[in-house]
C-alpha atoms as a PDB file:
ATOM      1  CA  MET A   1       0.000   0.000   0.000  1.00  0.00           C
ATOM      2  CA  ASP A   2       1.473   3.344  -1.011  1.00  0.00           C
ATOM      3  CA  HIS A   3       0.966   6.959  -0.003  1.00  0.00           C
ATOM      4  CA  ALA A   4      -1.665   7.523  -2.678  1.00  0.00           C
ATOM      5  CA  ASP A   5      -3.799   4.595  -1.458  1.00  0.00           C
ATOM      6  CA  VAL A   6      -3.654   5.764   2.141  1.00  0.00           C
ATOM      7  CA  ALA A   7      -4.320   9.401   1.183  1.00  0.00           C
ATOM      8  CA  THR A   8      -7.330   8.375  -0.914  1.00  0.00           C
ATOM      9  CA  ALA A   9      -8.767   6.336   1.960  1.00  0.00           C
ATOM     10  CA  PHE A  10      -8.263   9.147   4.479  1.00  0.00           C
ATOM     11  CA  ALA A  11      -9.792  11.657   2.043  1.00  0.00           C
ATOM     12  CA  ALA A  12     -12.858   9.415   1.753  1.00  0.00           C
ATOM     13  CA  LEU A  13     -13.107   9.164   5.536  1.00  0.00           C
ATOM     14  CA  SER A  14     -12.689  12.911   6.023  1.00  0.00           C
ATOM     15  CA  HIS A  15     -16.367  13.668   5.369  1.00  0.00           C
ATOM     16  CA  PRO A  16     -18.510  13.306   8.521  1.00  0.00           C
ATOM     17  CA  ALA A  17     -21.332  11.413   6.768  1.00  0.00           C
ATOM     18  CA  ARG A  18     -18.898   8.921   5.217  1.00  0.00           C
ATOM     19  CA  LEU A  19     -17.131   8.415   8.532  1.00  0.00           C
ATOM     20  CA  LYS A  20     -20.479   7.816  10.244  1.00  0.00           C
ATOM     21  CA  ALA A  21     -21.432   5.320   7.527  1.00  0.00           C
ATOM     22  CA  VAL A  22     -18.185   3.407   8.056  1.00  0.00           C
ATOM     23  CA  ILE A  23     -18.737   3.372  11.822  1.00  0.00           C
ATOM     24  CA  LYS A  24     -22.298   2.047  11.343  1.00  0.00           C
ATOM     25  CA  LEU A  25     -21.111  -0.635   8.913  1.00  0.00           C
ATOM     26  CA  ALA A  26     -18.302  -1.634  11.268  1.00  0.00           C
ATOM     27  CA  ALA A  27     -20.951  -2.448  13.879  1.00  0.00           C
ATOM     28  CA  GLU A  28     -22.966  -4.584  11.428  1.00  0.00           C
ATOM     29  CA  PRO A  29     -20.961  -7.683  10.418  1.00  0.00           C
ATOM     30  CA  LYS A  30     -23.693  -8.757   7.974  1.00  0.00           C
ATOM     31  CA  GLY A  31     -23.898  -5.286   6.440  1.00  0.00           C
ATOM     32  CA  MET A  32     -26.823  -2.993   5.742  1.00  0.00           C
ATOM     33  CA  ALA A  33     -29.009  -2.081   2.812  1.00  0.00           C
ATOM     34  CA  ALA A  34     -28.512   1.458   1.530  1.00  0.00           C
ATOM     35  CA  GLY A  35     -32.029   2.534   2.533  1.00  0.00           C
ATOM     36  CA  VAL A  36     -31.561   1.317   6.089  1.00  0.00           C
ATOM     37  CA  LEU A  37     -28.149   2.967   6.303  1.00  0.00           C
ATOM     38  CA  ALA A  38     -29.590   6.269   5.013  1.00  0.00           C
ATOM     39  CA  ARG A  39     -32.351   6.171   7.639  1.00  0.00           C
ATOM     40  CA  GLU A  40     -29.878   5.321  10.408  1.00  0.00           C
ATOM     41  CA  LEU A  41     -27.698   8.276   9.394  1.00  0.00           C
ATOM     42  CA  GLY A  42     -30.622  10.632   8.854  1.00  0.00           C
ATOM     43  CA  ILE A  43     -29.666  11.520   5.280  1.00  0.00           C
ATOM     44  CA  ARG A  44     -31.428  11.146   1.938  1.00  0.00           C
ATOM     45  CA  GLN A  45     -30.721   7.990  -0.007  1.00  0.00           C
ATOM     46  CA  ASN A  46     -29.466   9.853  -3.088  1.00  0.00           C
ATOM     47  CA  THR A  47     -26.999  11.755  -0.885  1.00  0.00           C
ATOM     48  CA  LEU A  48     -25.856   8.481   0.637  1.00  0.00           C
ATOM     49  CA  SER A  49     -25.361   7.003  -2.838  1.00  0.00           C
ATOM     50  CA  SER A  50     -22.727   9.617  -3.572  1.00  0.00           C
ATOM     51  CA  HIS A  51     -20.926   8.872  -0.307  1.00  0.00           C
ATOM     52  CA  ILE A  52     -21.122   5.121  -0.912  1.00  0.00           C
ATOM     53  CA  ALA A  53     -19.571   5.558  -4.354  1.00  0.00           C
ATOM     54  CA  THR A  54     -16.624   7.414  -2.812  1.00  0.00           C
ATOM     55  CA  LEU A  55     -16.097   4.728  -0.158  1.00  0.00           C
ATOM     56  CA  GLU A  56     -16.382   1.920  -2.723  1.00  0.00           C
ATOM     57  CA  ARG A  57     -13.877   3.533  -5.108  1.00  0.00           C
ATOM     58  CA  CYS A  58     -11.154   3.420  -2.473  1.00  0.00           C
ATOM     59  CA  GLY A  59     -12.137  -0.066  -1.299  1.00  0.00           C
ATOM     60  CA  ILE A  60     -13.265   0.777   2.227  1.00  0.00           C
ATOM     61  CA  ILE A  61     -16.716  -0.706   1.658  1.00  0.00           C
ATOM     62  CA  TYR A  62     -18.236  -3.055  -0.896  1.00  0.00           C
ATOM     63  CA  GLY A  63     -21.742  -3.967  -1.891  1.00  0.00           C
ATOM     64  CA  GLN A  64     -23.286  -7.333  -2.708  1.00  0.00           C
ATOM     65  CA  ARG A  65     -26.638  -7.724  -4.391  1.00  0.00           C
ATOM     66  CA  GLU A  66     -29.177  -9.706  -2.375  1.00  0.00           C
ATOM     67  CA  GLY A  67     -32.428  -9.852  -4.294  1.00  0.00           C
ATOM     68  CA  ARG A  68     -33.471  -6.317  -5.062  1.00  0.00           C
ATOM     69  CA  TYR A  69     -31.186  -4.782  -2.443  1.00  0.00           C
ATOM     70  CA  ILE A  70     -27.485  -4.087  -2.301  1.00  0.00           C
ATOM     71  CA  ILE A  71     -26.048  -4.880   1.102  1.00  0.00           C
ATOM     72  CA  TYR A  72     -23.010  -2.782   1.976  1.00  0.00           C
ATOM     73  CA  GLN A  73     -20.278  -4.050   4.240  1.00  0.00           C
ATOM     74  CA  LEU A  74     -17.063  -2.698   5.620  1.00  0.00           C
ATOM     75  CA  ASN A  75     -13.997  -4.102   3.882  1.00  0.00           C
ATOM     76  CA  ARG A  76     -12.211  -4.914   7.101  1.00  0.00           C
ATOM     77  CA  PHE A  77      -9.050  -6.085   5.344  1.00  0.00           C
ATOM     78  CA  MET A  78      -8.653  -2.831   3.411  1.00  0.00           C
ATOM     79  CA  THR A  79      -9.531  -0.661   6.397  1.00  0.00           C
ATOM     80  CA  ARG A  80      -7.074  -2.524   8.614  1.00  0.00           C
ATOM     81  CA  SER A  81      -4.355  -2.241   5.944  1.00  0.00           C
ATOM     82  CA  VAL A  82      -4.801   1.526   5.636  1.00  0.00           C
ATOM     83  CA  LEU A  83      -4.674   2.020   9.389  1.00  0.00           C
ATOM     84  CA  GLU A  84      -1.695  -0.300   9.845  1.00  0.00           C
ATOM     85  CA  GLN A  85       0.263   1.468   7.100  1.00  0.00           C
ATOM     86  CA  ALA A  86      -0.480   4.907   8.537  1.00  0.00           C
ATOM     87  CA  SER A  87       0.430   3.667  12.011  1.00  0.00           C
ATOM     88  CA  HIS A  88       3.715   2.289  10.665  1.00  0.00           C
ATOM     89  CA  TRP A  89       4.615   5.687   9.222  1.00  0.00           C
ATOM     90  CA  VAL A  90       3.608   7.505  12.410  1.00  0.00           C
ATOM     91  CA  ARG A  91       5.847   5.204  14.448  1.00  0.00           C
ATOM     92  CA  GLY A  92       8.769   6.205  12.221  1.00  0.00           C
ATOM     93  CA  GLY A  93       8.687   3.321   9.760  1.00  0.00           C
ATOM     94  CA  ALA A  94      10.410   3.476   6.400  1.00  0.00           C
ATOM     95  CA  GLN A  95       8.920   5.831   3.831  1.00  0.00           C
ATOM     96  CA  GLN A  96       7.011   4.229   0.974  1.00  0.00           C
ATOM     97  CA  GLY A  97       5.311   5.278  -2.228  1.00  0.00           C
END
């Protein structure tokens, strides 16, 4: 994972609604449908769609179709990788990217 990957992930997480969505999805191992997630966050579904697209592009979340719904889940591997890489740099690890 290079600087660009980590920067993209942190940029995606820098918006309060996206961060709240990630926190909600982290608490739901089986994921959530977009409509349910929008209600939980108190935002319109079309607004959430834009945020979901940003989080999917950088790999923090992913969606799987289940019938007529798309269930979104946190990509725990990607999220852990981003945080571990950033932590490595903060602790004085070798520069990358």
